[in-house]
Amino acid sequence: MTIHFHEGDLPEGLDFGSSVAVDSETMGLNPHRDRLCVVQLSSGDGHAHLVRFKKGAYEAPRLSALMADTSVEKIFHFARFDVAIIEKYLGVTCEPVFCTKIASKLVRTYTDRHGLRDLCLELIGVNLDKQQQSSDWGADVISEPQKAYAASDVLYLHKLRDQLIMMLEREGRMAFAQDAFAFLPTRARLDLAGYEPMDIFAHK
């Protein structure tokens, strides 16, 4: 694992290929209250790129262009939150999207454990250390354990996607997944508009 740390934006000349794993670290899980602090990315090659944002400084043209590039698939775990926070702070819509959590819920119906750590352990035999999950991502200095934690959240998403695609196709559920992924940007905008706690498809 190699971690590259960048302040404010990606450097020029980076090529993530046709798909990039993406995650974000924020001050909490309420997109209306908690600001974006870090976006981490990987092309699945063992390298992770962490972009740290200082409060109020979200001009990141190279990162924003990558997120908006419709020729590049963005792989997330729980894309609903990350797509929303990226749209709010960077002003771009992430499309197309693959969400490993949604894929897992569609095909791993033999369990109710769909966290990233659970997927990594079962599908690719990797035991993630989640100790830094609850830490101050808005601090002036991001610690080395925090960097390692953030990197681990994107380094394995390509492998998980490949395993989940195989399972979805085997069980005949790939079309459900694709339709759900296509709806994610709209679901994220609904969250930002205040509909987060509401199931708009429910009878009541």
N, C-alpha and C. Protein backbone atom coordinates (compact mmCIF):
# COMPACT_ATOMS: atom_id res chain seq x y z
N MET A 1 0.84 -1.20 0.00
CA MET A 1 0.00 0.00 0.00
C MET A 1 0.87 1.25 0.00
N THR A 2 0.61 2.14 -0.95
CA THR A 2 1.30 3.42 -1.01
C THR A 2 0.27 4.53 -0.91
N ILE A 3 0.49 5.47 0.00
CA ILE A 3 -0.46 6.56 0.22
C ILE A 3 0.14 7.87 -0.27
N HIS A 4 -0.61 8.57 -1.10
CA HIS A 4 -0.20 9.88 -1.62
C HIS A 4 -1.16 10.91 -1.02
N PHE A 5 -0.62 11.89 -0.33
CA PHE A 5 -1.45 12.88 0.37
C PHE A 5 -1.37 14.22 -0.36
N HIS A 6 -2.52 14.78 -0.69
CA HIS A 6 -2.59 16.02 -1.46
C HIS A 6 -3.46 17.04 -0.73
N GLU A 7 -3.03 18.28 -0.78
CA GLU A 7 -3.81 19.36 -0.17
C GLU A 7 -4.68 20.05 -1.23
N GLY A 8 -6.00 19.97 -1.08
CA GLY A 8 -6.92 20.79 -1.85
C GLY A 8 -7.34 20.27 -3.21
N ASP A 9 -6.54 19.43 -3.86
CA ASP A 9 -6.92 18.91 -5.18
C ASP A 9 -5.94 17.81 -5.58
N LEU A 10 -6.31 17.07 -6.60
CA LEU A 10 -5.38 16.10 -7.18
C LEU A 10 -4.30 16.81 -7.97
N PRO A 11 -3.11 16.24 -8.04
CA PRO A 11 -2.08 16.83 -8.90
C PRO A 11 -2.40 16.58 -10.38
N GLU A 12 -1.78 17.33 -11.23
CA GLU A 12 -1.99 17.15 -12.67
C GLU A 12 -1.40 15.82 -13.13
N GLY A 13 -2.02 15.25 -14.17
CA GLY A 13 -1.44 14.09 -14.83
C GLY A 13 -1.83 12.75 -14.29
N LEU A 14 -2.64 12.68 -13.23
CA LEU A 14 -3.05 11.38 -12.70
C LEU A 14 -4.10 10.76 -13.61
N ASP A 15 -3.95 9.46 -13.87
CA ASP A 15 -4.92 8.73 -14.70
C ASP A 15 -5.40 7.53 -13.91
N PHE A 16 -6.68 7.51 -13.60
CA PHE A 16 -7.26 6.41 -12.83
C PHE A 16 -7.88 5.34 -13.72
N GLY A 17 -7.79 5.50 -15.02
CA GLY A 17 -8.34 4.52 -15.93
C GLY A 17 -9.85 4.61 -16.04
N SER A 18 -10.49 3.48 -16.30
CA SER A 18 -11.93 3.47 -16.56
C SER A 18 -12.77 3.37 -15.30
N SER A 19 -12.13 3.14 -14.14
CA SER A 19 -12.89 3.07 -12.89
C SER A 19 -12.02 3.51 -11.73
N VAL A 20 -12.64 4.21 -10.79
CA VAL A 20 -11.91 4.71 -9.63
C VAL A 20 -12.72 4.44 -8.37
N ALA A 21 -12.07 3.89 -7.36
CA ALA A 21 -12.71 3.69 -6.06
C ALA A 21 -12.66 5.01 -5.29
N VAL A 22 -13.77 5.36 -4.66
CA VAL A 22 -13.89 6.66 -3.99
C VAL A 22 -14.53 6.49 -2.61
N ASP A 23 -14.05 7.27 -1.66
CA ASP A 23 -14.67 7.35 -0.34
C ASP A 23 -14.45 8.75 0.18
N SER A 24 -15.14 9.10 1.24
CA SER A 24 -14.96 10.43 1.83
C SER A 24 -14.94 10.32 3.34
N GLU A 25 -14.27 11.28 3.96
CA GLU A 25 -14.27 11.42 5.42
C GLU A 25 -14.82 12.79 5.74
N THR A 26 -15.73 12.83 6.70
CA THR A 26 -16.41 14.07 7.06
C THR A 26 -16.39 14.24 8.58
N MET A 27 -16.93 15.35 9.04
CA MET A 27 -17.01 15.60 10.48
C MET A 27 -18.18 14.87 11.13
N GLY A 28 -18.96 14.15 10.35
CA GLY A 28 -20.10 13.39 10.85
C GLY A 28 -20.92 12.89 9.68
N LEU A 29 -22.09 12.36 9.95
CA LEU A 29 -22.89 11.74 8.91
C LEU A 29 -24.13 12.54 8.53
N ASN A 30 -24.16 13.82 8.91
CA ASN A 30 -25.26 14.70 8.53
C ASN A 30 -24.73 15.68 7.48
N PRO A 31 -25.10 15.50 6.20
CA PRO A 31 -24.53 16.36 5.15
C PRO A 31 -24.93 17.82 5.27
N HIS A 32 -25.99 18.11 6.03
CA HIS A 32 -26.39 19.51 6.23
C HIS A 32 -25.55 20.20 7.29
N ARG A 33 -24.94 19.41 8.17
CA ARG A 33 -24.20 19.97 9.30
C ARG A 33 -22.69 19.72 9.21
N ASP A 34 -22.32 18.53 8.72
CA ASP A 34 -20.94 18.05 8.84
C ASP A 34 -20.19 18.19 7.53
N ARG A 35 -19.08 18.91 7.58
CA ARG A 35 -18.36 19.26 6.36
C ARG A 35 -17.47 18.14 5.84
N LEU A 36 -17.21 18.22 4.55
CA LEU A 36 -16.28 17.31 3.88
C LEU A 36 -14.85 17.66 4.27
N CYS A 37 -14.07 16.63 4.63
CA CYS A 37 -12.68 16.84 5.05
C CYS A 37 -11.68 16.16 4.12
N VAL A 38 -11.96 14.94 3.69
CA VAL A 38 -11.03 14.17 2.87
C VAL A 38 -11.81 13.38 1.83
N VAL A 39 -11.27 13.33 0.62
CA VAL A 39 -11.74 12.39 -0.39
C VAL A 39 -10.57 11.49 -0.75
N GLN A 40 -10.80 10.19 -0.71
CA GLN A 40 -9.74 9.25 -1.05
C GLN A 40 -10.12 8.46 -2.29
N LEU A 41 -9.09 8.13 -3.09
CA LEU A 41 -9.32 7.48 -4.38
C LEU A 41 -8.25 6.42 -4.63
N SER A 42 -8.62 5.42 -5.42
CA SER A 42 -7.66 4.41 -5.84
C SER A 42 -8.12 3.79 -7.16
N SER A 43 -7.15 3.44 -7.99
CA SER A 43 -7.48 2.72 -9.22
C SER A 43 -7.39 1.22 -9.03
N GLY A 44 -7.21 0.78 -7.78
CA GLY A 44 -7.14 -0.63 -7.48
C GLY A 44 -5.76 -1.23 -7.66
N ASP A 45 -4.74 -0.38 -7.75
CA ASP A 45 -3.38 -0.84 -8.02
C ASP A 45 -2.49 -0.82 -6.78
N GLY A 46 -3.09 -0.67 -5.59
CA GLY A 46 -2.30 -0.60 -4.37
C GLY A 46 -1.91 0.80 -3.97
N HIS A 47 -2.23 1.80 -4.79
CA HIS A 47 -1.96 3.20 -4.49
C HIS A 47 -3.26 3.90 -4.09
N ALA A 48 -3.21 4.69 -3.03
CA ALA A 48 -4.35 5.49 -2.60
C ALA A 48 -3.97 6.96 -2.61
N HIS A 49 -4.85 7.78 -3.13
CA HIS A 49 -4.63 9.23 -3.17
C HIS A 49 -5.64 9.88 -2.25
N LEU A 50 -5.16 10.63 -1.26
CA LEU A 50 -6.01 11.32 -0.30
C LEU A 50 -5.95 12.82 -0.57
N VAL A 51 -7.11 13.41 -0.78
CA VAL A 51 -7.21 14.86 -0.99
C VAL A 51 -7.84 15.46 0.26
N ARG A 52 -7.08 16.30 0.97
CA ARG A 52 -7.58 16.92 2.19
C ARG A 52 -8.04 18.35 1.91
N PHE A 53 -9.22 18.68 2.44
CA PHE A 53 -9.79 20.02 2.26
C PHE A 53 -9.78 20.76 3.59
N LYS A 54 -9.31 22.00 3.56
CA LYS A 54 -9.45 22.87 4.72
C LYS A 54 -10.83 23.52 4.68
N LYS A 55 -11.30 23.90 5.83
CA LYS A 55 -12.66 24.43 5.95
C LYS A 55 -12.88 25.61 5.00
N GLY A 56 -13.91 25.50 4.17
CA GLY A 56 -14.28 26.57 3.25
C GLY A 56 -13.52 26.60 1.94
N ALA A 57 -12.56 25.70 1.75
CA ALA A 57 -11.73 25.70 0.53
C ALA A 57 -12.02 24.45 -0.28
N TYR A 58 -12.97 24.57 -1.21
CA TYR A 58 -13.41 23.40 -1.97
C TYR A 58 -13.28 23.59 -3.48
N GLU A 59 -12.39 24.46 -3.90
CA GLU A 59 -12.12 24.60 -5.32
C GLU A 59 -11.11 23.52 -5.71
N ALA A 60 -11.61 22.47 -6.35
CA ALA A 60 -10.75 21.33 -6.71
C ALA A 60 -11.09 20.91 -8.14
N PRO A 61 -10.64 21.67 -9.14
CA PRO A 61 -11.08 21.42 -10.52
C PRO A 61 -10.71 20.05 -11.06
N ARG A 62 -9.54 19.52 -10.69
CA ARG A 62 -9.15 18.21 -11.24
C ARG A 62 -9.95 17.08 -10.60
N LEU A 63 -10.13 17.13 -9.28
CA LEU A 63 -10.95 16.13 -8.62
C LEU A 63 -12.40 16.23 -9.08
N SER A 64 -12.92 17.44 -9.19
CA SER A 64 -14.30 17.63 -9.62
C SER A 64 -14.51 17.09 -11.04
N ALA A 65 -13.55 17.33 -11.92
CA ALA A 65 -13.67 16.84 -13.29
C ALA A 65 -13.69 15.32 -13.32
N LEU A 66 -12.87 14.68 -12.48
CA LEU A 66 -12.86 13.23 -12.42
C LEU A 66 -14.21 12.69 -11.93
N MET A 67 -14.76 13.31 -10.89
CA MET A 67 -16.03 12.85 -10.36
C MET A 67 -17.17 13.02 -11.36
N ALA A 68 -17.09 14.05 -12.20
CA ALA A 68 -18.14 14.32 -13.18
C ALA A 68 -17.94 13.59 -14.50
N ASP A 69 -16.80 12.93 -14.68
CA ASP A 69 -16.48 12.27 -15.95
C ASP A 69 -17.34 11.02 -16.11
N THR A 70 -18.27 11.04 -17.05
CA THR A 70 -19.19 9.91 -17.22
C THR A 70 -18.53 8.71 -17.90
N SER A 71 -17.28 8.85 -18.34
CA SER A 71 -16.57 7.70 -18.90
C SER A 71 -15.82 6.91 -17.83
N VAL A 72 -15.83 7.40 -16.60
CA VAL A 72 -15.14 6.75 -15.49
C VAL A 72 -16.16 6.29 -14.46
N GLU A 73 -16.20 4.98 -14.20
CA GLU A 73 -17.08 4.44 -13.17
C GLU A 73 -16.52 4.77 -11.78
N LYS A 74 -17.38 5.26 -10.90
CA LYS A 74 -16.99 5.54 -9.53
C LYS A 74 -17.52 4.43 -8.62
N ILE A 75 -16.61 3.76 -7.92
CA ILE A 75 -16.98 2.64 -7.04
C ILE A 75 -16.98 3.13 -5.60
N PHE A 76 -18.11 2.98 -4.91
CA PHE A 76 -18.25 3.41 -3.53
C PHE A 76 -18.73 2.24 -2.67
N HIS A 77 -18.58 2.39 -1.36
CA HIS A 77 -19.32 1.57 -0.41
C HIS A 77 -20.22 2.52 0.35
N PHE A 78 -21.53 2.34 0.23
CA PHE A 78 -22.57 3.26 0.67
C PHE A 78 -22.45 4.57 -0.10
N ALA A 79 -22.67 4.45 -1.40
CA ALA A 79 -22.55 5.59 -2.31
C ALA A 79 -23.54 6.71 -1.98
N ARG A 80 -24.66 6.36 -1.41
CA ARG A 80 -25.69 7.38 -1.14
C ARG A 80 -25.13 8.57 -0.38
N PHE A 81 -24.34 8.31 0.65
CA PHE A 81 -23.79 9.41 1.44
C PHE A 81 -22.67 10.13 0.69
N ASP A 82 -21.74 9.38 0.12
CA ASP A 82 -20.58 10.01 -0.54
C ASP A 82 -20.99 10.83 -1.75
N VAL A 83 -21.94 10.32 -2.53
CA VAL A 83 -22.41 11.06 -3.70
C VAL A 83 -23.05 12.37 -3.27
N ALA A 84 -23.81 12.33 -2.17
CA ALA A 84 -24.46 13.55 -1.66
C ALA A 84 -23.45 14.56 -1.18
N ILE A 85 -22.47 14.13 -0.39
CA ILE A 85 -21.51 15.07 0.18
C ILE A 85 -20.61 15.66 -0.90
N ILE A 86 -20.27 14.86 -1.92
CA ILE A 86 -19.47 15.38 -3.03
C ILE A 86 -20.27 16.38 -3.85
N GLU A 87 -21.55 16.08 -4.07
CA GLU A 87 -22.37 17.04 -4.81
C GLU A 87 -22.51 18.35 -4.04
N LYS A 88 -22.68 18.27 -2.73
CA LYS A 88 -22.86 19.49 -1.95
C LYS A 88 -21.60 20.35 -1.94
N TYR A 89 -20.44 19.74 -1.76
CA TYR A 89 -19.22 20.52 -1.57
C TYR A 89 -18.43 20.77 -2.86
N LEU A 90 -18.48 19.85 -3.80
CA LEU A 90 -17.74 20.05 -5.05
C LEU A 90 -18.64 20.48 -6.20
N GLY A 91 -19.95 20.37 -6.00
CA GLY A 91 -20.90 20.86 -7.00
C GLY A 91 -20.99 20.00 -8.24
N VAL A 92 -20.67 18.70 -8.13
CA VAL A 92 -20.73 17.81 -9.29
C VAL A 92 -21.52 16.55 -8.93
N THR A 93 -22.12 15.95 -9.97
CA THR A 93 -22.86 14.70 -9.81
C THR A 93 -21.97 13.54 -10.22
N CYS A 94 -21.84 12.57 -9.34
CA CYS A 94 -21.02 11.38 -9.62
C CYS A 94 -21.84 10.37 -10.43
N GLU A 95 -21.46 10.17 -11.66
CA GLU A 95 -22.08 9.17 -12.53
C GLU A 95 -21.02 8.66 -13.51
N PRO A 96 -21.09 7.38 -13.87
CA PRO A 96 -21.90 6.30 -13.30
C PRO A 96 -21.31 5.81 -11.99
N VAL A 97 -22.12 5.07 -11.23
CA VAL A 97 -21.76 4.66 -9.87
C VAL A 97 -21.95 3.15 -9.72
N PHE A 98 -21.05 2.55 -8.95
CA PHE A 98 -21.25 1.18 -8.46
C PHE A 98 -21.15 1.24 -6.95
N CYS A 99 -22.14 0.69 -6.24
CA CYS A 99 -22.14 0.71 -4.77
C CYS A 99 -22.03 -0.72 -4.25
N THR A 100 -20.95 -1.01 -3.55
CA THR A 100 -20.76 -2.37 -3.05
C THR A 100 -21.75 -2.73 -1.95
N LYS A 101 -22.24 -1.73 -1.20
CA LYS A 101 -23.23 -2.03 -0.16
C LYS A 101 -24.56 -2.44 -0.77
N ILE A 102 -25.01 -1.70 -1.78
CA ILE A 102 -26.26 -2.07 -2.45
C ILE A 102 -26.12 -3.43 -3.11
N ALA A 103 -25.01 -3.65 -3.80
CA ALA A 103 -24.79 -4.94 -4.45
C ALA A 103 -24.82 -6.07 -3.42
N SER A 104 -24.18 -5.84 -2.27
CA SER A 104 -24.17 -6.85 -1.22
C SER A 104 -25.58 -7.14 -0.71
N LYS A 105 -26.38 -6.11 -0.49
CA LYS A 105 -27.73 -6.31 0.02
C LYS A 105 -28.61 -7.05 -0.99
N LEU A 106 -28.33 -6.85 -2.27
CA LEU A 106 -29.11 -7.53 -3.30
C LEU A 106 -28.75 -9.00 -3.43
N VAL A 107 -27.50 -9.35 -3.20
CA VAL A 107 -27.08 -10.72 -3.51
C VAL A 107 -26.65 -11.52 -2.30
N ARG A 108 -26.15 -10.87 -1.24
CA ARG A 108 -25.74 -11.61 -0.03
C ARG A 108 -26.93 -11.66 0.94
N THR A 109 -28.01 -12.24 0.47
CA THR A 109 -29.25 -12.28 1.26
C THR A 109 -29.20 -13.34 2.35
N TYR A 110 -28.09 -14.04 2.46
CA TYR A 110 -27.90 -15.02 3.53
C TYR A 110 -27.36 -14.39 4.81
N THR A 111 -27.16 -13.06 4.82
CA THR A 111 -26.61 -12.37 5.98
C THR A 111 -27.17 -10.97 6.06
N ASP A 112 -27.12 -10.39 7.25
CA ASP A 112 -27.49 -8.98 7.41
C ASP A 112 -26.25 -8.12 7.66
N ARG A 113 -25.07 -8.66 7.41
CA ARG A 113 -23.81 -7.96 7.64
C ARG A 113 -23.26 -7.47 6.30
N HIS A 114 -23.45 -6.18 6.03
CA HIS A 114 -23.07 -5.62 4.74
C HIS A 114 -22.06 -4.49 4.87
N GLY A 115 -21.39 -4.40 6.01
CA GLY A 115 -20.35 -3.39 6.18
C GLY A 115 -19.13 -3.70 5.34
N LEU A 116 -18.30 -2.70 5.11
CA LEU A 116 -17.11 -2.89 4.29
C LEU A 116 -16.19 -3.94 4.89
N ARG A 117 -16.03 -3.90 6.21
CA ARG A 117 -15.17 -4.89 6.86
C ARG A 117 -15.69 -6.30 6.64
N ASP A 118 -17.02 -6.48 6.73
CA ASP A 118 -17.62 -7.79 6.53
C ASP A 118 -17.38 -8.29 5.10
N LEU A 119 -17.55 -7.40 4.13
CA LEU A 119 -17.35 -7.79 2.74
C LEU A 119 -15.90 -8.17 2.47
N CYS A 120 -14.98 -7.36 2.96
CA CYS A 120 -13.56 -7.63 2.74
C CYS A 120 -13.16 -8.97 3.34
N LEU A 121 -13.65 -9.25 4.53
CA LEU A 121 -13.27 -10.49 5.20
C LEU A 121 -13.82 -11.71 4.46
N GLU A 122 -15.08 -11.65 4.06
CA GLU A 122 -15.69 -12.82 3.42
C GLU A 122 -15.24 -13.00 1.97
N LEU A 123 -15.24 -11.91 1.21
CA LEU A 123 -15.07 -12.06 -0.23
C LEU A 123 -13.62 -12.07 -0.68
N ILE A 124 -12.73 -11.37 0.02
CA ILE A 124 -11.34 -11.32 -0.43
C ILE A 124 -10.34 -11.64 0.67
N GLY A 125 -10.83 -12.03 1.86
CA GLY A 125 -9.94 -12.47 2.92
C GLY A 125 -9.08 -11.39 3.54
N VAL A 126 -9.55 -10.15 3.53
CA VAL A 126 -8.82 -9.02 4.11
C VAL A 126 -9.54 -8.55 5.36
N ASN A 127 -8.81 -8.42 6.45
CA ASN A 127 -9.38 -7.97 7.73
C ASN A 127 -9.03 -6.49 7.94
N LEU A 128 -10.00 -5.61 7.72
CA LEU A 128 -9.75 -4.18 7.84
C LEU A 128 -9.70 -3.73 9.29
N ASP A 129 -8.81 -2.78 9.57
CA ASP A 129 -8.73 -2.14 10.87
C ASP A 129 -9.57 -0.86 10.84
N LYS A 130 -10.67 -0.84 11.58
CA LYS A 130 -11.59 0.30 11.57
C LYS A 130 -11.42 1.20 12.79
N GLN A 131 -10.27 1.13 13.45
CA GLN A 131 -10.07 1.86 14.70
C GLN A 131 -10.20 3.37 14.53
N GLN A 132 -9.79 3.90 13.37
CA GLN A 132 -9.80 5.35 13.16
C GLN A 132 -11.11 5.86 12.54
N GLN A 133 -12.13 4.99 12.49
CA GLN A 133 -13.38 5.39 11.85
C GLN A 133 -13.97 6.63 12.50
N SER A 134 -13.96 6.67 13.83
CA SER A 134 -14.47 7.83 14.55
C SER A 134 -13.29 8.64 15.06
N SER A 135 -12.86 9.60 14.26
CA SER A 135 -11.76 10.47 14.66
C SER A 135 -11.96 11.83 14.03
N ASP A 136 -11.14 12.79 14.43
CA ASP A 136 -11.31 14.18 14.00
C ASP A 136 -10.66 14.39 12.64
N TRP A 137 -11.47 14.31 11.58
CA TRP A 137 -10.94 14.48 10.23
C TRP A 137 -10.76 15.94 9.85
N GLY A 138 -11.24 16.85 10.70
CA GLY A 138 -11.05 18.27 10.45
C GLY A 138 -9.82 18.85 11.13
N ALA A 139 -9.03 18.01 11.77
CA ALA A 139 -7.84 18.48 12.48
C ALA A 139 -6.82 19.08 11.52
N ASP A 140 -5.99 19.97 12.02
CA ASP A 140 -4.96 20.59 11.19
C ASP A 140 -3.97 19.57 10.64
N VAL A 141 -3.72 18.52 11.41
CA VAL A 141 -2.79 17.47 10.99
C VAL A 141 -3.53 16.14 10.97
N ILE A 142 -3.51 15.46 9.82
CA ILE A 142 -4.08 14.13 9.69
C ILE A 142 -2.99 13.13 10.04
N SER A 143 -3.25 12.28 11.01
CA SER A 143 -2.23 11.36 11.51
C SER A 143 -1.97 10.22 10.52
N GLU A 144 -0.85 9.56 10.68
CA GLU A 144 -0.53 8.42 9.82
C GLU A 144 -1.55 7.29 9.98
N PRO A 145 -2.00 6.96 11.21
CA PRO A 145 -3.07 5.95 11.31
C PRO A 145 -4.36 6.36 10.61
N GLN A 146 -4.69 7.65 10.66
CA GLN A 146 -5.87 8.12 9.94
C GLN A 146 -5.69 7.94 8.43
N LYS A 147 -4.52 8.28 7.93
CA LYS A 147 -4.25 8.11 6.49
C LYS A 147 -4.36 6.65 6.07
N ALA A 148 -3.80 5.77 6.89
CA ALA A 148 -3.85 4.34 6.57
C ALA A 148 -5.29 3.83 6.57
N TYR A 149 -6.08 4.30 7.55
CA TYR A 149 -7.49 3.91 7.60
C TYR A 149 -8.23 4.40 6.35
N ALA A 150 -8.05 5.68 6.01
CA ALA A 150 -8.73 6.24 4.85
C ALA A 150 -8.35 5.51 3.57
N ALA A 151 -7.08 5.18 3.44
CA ALA A 151 -6.62 4.47 2.24
C ALA A 151 -7.25 3.09 2.15
N SER A 152 -7.36 2.41 3.28
CA SER A 152 -7.89 1.04 3.25
C SER A 152 -9.34 1.00 2.79
N ASP A 153 -10.05 2.10 2.92
CA ASP A 153 -11.46 2.13 2.50
C ASP A 153 -11.63 2.14 0.99
N VAL A 154 -10.57 2.40 0.23
CA VAL A 154 -10.69 2.40 -1.23
C VAL A 154 -9.81 1.37 -1.92
N LEU A 155 -8.82 0.84 -1.24
CA LEU A 155 -7.85 -0.04 -1.89
C LEU A 155 -8.45 -1.34 -2.39
N TYR A 156 -9.55 -1.79 -1.78
CA TYR A 156 -10.09 -3.11 -2.09
C TYR A 156 -11.43 -3.07 -2.81
N LEU A 157 -11.93 -1.89 -3.13
CA LEU A 157 -13.27 -1.78 -3.71
C LEU A 157 -13.35 -2.40 -5.11
N HIS A 158 -12.28 -2.31 -5.90
CA HIS A 158 -12.30 -2.94 -7.22
C HIS A 158 -12.47 -4.46 -7.10
N LYS A 159 -11.73 -5.07 -6.19
CA LYS A 159 -11.84 -6.52 -6.00
C LYS A 159 -13.22 -6.91 -5.50
N LEU A 160 -13.77 -6.11 -4.59
CA LEU A 160 -15.12 -6.39 -4.09
C LEU A 160 -16.13 -6.25 -5.21
N ARG A 161 -16.01 -5.21 -6.01
CA ARG A 161 -16.93 -5.04 -7.15
C ARG A 161 -16.91 -6.26 -8.05
N ASP A 162 -15.72 -6.74 -8.38
CA ASP A 162 -15.61 -7.89 -9.29
C ASP A 162 -16.28 -9.13 -8.70
N GLN A 163 -16.07 -9.38 -7.41
CA GLN A 163 -16.69 -10.53 -6.76
C GLN A 163 -18.21 -10.39 -6.71
N LEU A 164 -18.68 -9.18 -6.41
CA LEU A 164 -20.12 -8.94 -6.32
C LEU A 164 -20.79 -9.02 -7.69
N ILE A 165 -20.14 -8.54 -8.73
CA ILE A 165 -20.69 -8.67 -10.08
C ILE A 165 -20.86 -10.15 -10.43
N MET A 166 -19.86 -10.96 -10.12
CA MET A 166 -19.95 -12.39 -10.40
C MET A 166 -21.16 -13.01 -9.69
N MET A 167 -21.38 -12.63 -8.42
CA MET A 167 -22.50 -13.16 -7.67
C MET A 167 -23.84 -12.65 -8.20
N LEU A 168 -23.90 -11.35 -8.53
CA LEU A 168 -25.13 -10.77 -9.07
C LEU A 168 -25.52 -11.43 -10.39
N GLU A 169 -24.55 -11.64 -11.25
CA GLU A 169 -24.84 -12.28 -12.54
C GLU A 169 -25.25 -13.73 -12.34
N ARG A 170 -24.61 -14.41 -11.42
CA ARG A 170 -24.94 -15.81 -11.13
C ARG A 170 -26.38 -15.96 -10.65
N GLU A 171 -26.84 -14.99 -9.83
CA GLU A 171 -28.17 -15.06 -9.25
C GLU A 171 -29.22 -14.31 -10.07
N GLY A 172 -28.83 -13.73 -11.20
CA GLY A 172 -29.78 -13.05 -12.07
C GLY A 172 -30.29 -11.73 -11.52
N ARG A 173 -29.44 -11.03 -10.75
CA ARG A 173 -29.87 -9.79 -10.11
C ARG A 173 -29.08 -8.56 -10.57
N MET A 174 -28.30 -8.70 -11.62
CA MET A 174 -27.47 -7.59 -12.08
C MET A 174 -28.33 -6.42 -12.55
N ALA A 175 -29.45 -6.70 -13.20
CA ALA A 175 -30.30 -5.61 -13.70
C ALA A 175 -30.86 -4.79 -12.55
N PHE A 176 -31.24 -5.47 -11.45
CA PHE A 176 -31.70 -4.74 -10.26
C PHE A 176 -30.61 -3.79 -9.76
N ALA A 177 -29.38 -4.30 -9.71
CA ALA A 177 -28.27 -3.49 -9.21
C ALA A 177 -28.04 -2.27 -10.10
N GLN A 178 -28.03 -2.49 -11.40
CA GLN A 178 -27.78 -1.38 -12.32
C GLN A 178 -28.85 -0.29 -12.21
N ASP A 179 -30.10 -0.71 -12.07
CA ASP A 179 -31.17 0.28 -11.92
C ASP A 179 -31.04 1.03 -10.59
N ALA A 180 -30.66 0.32 -9.54
CA ALA A 180 -30.47 0.98 -8.24
C ALA A 180 -29.31 1.97 -8.30
N PHE A 181 -28.22 1.59 -8.94
CA PHE A 181 -27.06 2.49 -9.07
C PHE A 181 -27.45 3.75 -9.85
N ALA A 182 -28.24 3.58 -10.90
CA ALA A 182 -28.63 4.73 -11.72
C ALA A 182 -29.47 5.73 -10.94
N PHE A 183 -30.21 5.23 -9.93
CA PHE A 183 -31.07 6.11 -9.13
C PHE A 183 -30.31 6.83 -8.02
N LEU A 184 -29.10 6.38 -7.71
CA LEU A 184 -28.37 6.91 -6.56
C LEU A 184 -28.17 8.43 -6.59
N PRO A 185 -27.76 9.04 -7.71
CA PRO A 185 -27.61 10.50 -7.69
C PRO A 185 -28.91 11.23 -7.33
N THR A 186 -30.04 10.70 -7.79
CA THR A 186 -31.33 11.30 -7.42
C THR A 186 -31.62 11.09 -5.95
N ARG A 187 -31.33 9.89 -5.43
CA ARG A 187 -31.53 9.63 -4.00
C ARG A 187 -30.66 10.57 -3.16
N ALA A 188 -29.44 10.82 -3.61
CA ALA A 188 -28.55 11.73 -2.89
C ALA A 188 -29.10 13.15 -2.90
N ARG A 189 -29.63 13.59 -4.04
CA ARG A 189 -30.21 14.94 -4.10
C ARG A 189 -31.46 15.05 -3.22
N LEU A 190 -32.24 13.98 -3.14
CA LEU A 190 -33.39 13.97 -2.24
C LEU A 190 -32.93 14.13 -0.79
N ASP A 191 -31.84 13.44 -0.42
CA ASP A 191 -31.30 13.60 0.93
C ASP A 191 -30.91 15.05 1.19
N LEU A 192 -30.24 15.66 0.23
CA LEU A 192 -29.80 17.04 0.39
C LEU A 192 -30.99 18.00 0.44
N ALA A 193 -32.12 17.60 -0.17
CA ALA A 193 -33.32 18.43 -0.16
C ALA A 193 -34.16 18.24 1.09
N GLY A 194 -33.72 17.34 1.99
CA GLY A 194 -34.43 17.17 3.25
C GLY A 194 -35.30 15.93 3.33
N TYR A 195 -35.24 15.04 2.32
CA TYR A 195 -36.07 13.84 2.33
C TYR A 195 -35.33 12.62 2.88
N GLU A 196 -34.20 12.83 3.53
CA GLU A 196 -33.38 11.70 3.99
C GLU A 196 -34.13 10.70 4.86
N PRO A 197 -34.91 11.13 5.87
CA PRO A 197 -35.54 10.13 6.74
C PRO A 197 -36.80 9.51 6.15
N MET A 198 -37.22 9.94 4.96
CA MET A 198 -38.51 9.52 4.39
C MET A 198 -38.30 8.47 3.31
N ASP A 199 -39.10 7.40 3.36
CA ASP A 199 -39.15 6.43 2.26
C ASP A 199 -40.29 6.87 1.35
N ILE A 200 -39.96 7.50 0.25
CA ILE A 200 -40.99 8.06 -0.64
C ILE A 200 -41.80 6.98 -1.34
N PHE A 201 -41.34 5.73 -1.27
CA PHE A 201 -42.07 4.63 -1.90
C PHE A 201 -43.02 3.94 -0.91
N ALA A 202 -42.94 4.30 0.37
CA ALA A 202 -43.79 3.67 1.37
C ALA A 202 -45.23 4.18 1.26
N HIS A 203 -46.20 3.36 1.70
CA HIS A 203 -47.61 3.75 1.66
C HIS A 203 -47.88 4.93 2.57
N LYS A 204 -47.23 4.96 3.75
CA LYS A 204 -47.45 6.07 4.69
C LYS A 204 -46.13 6.76 4.96
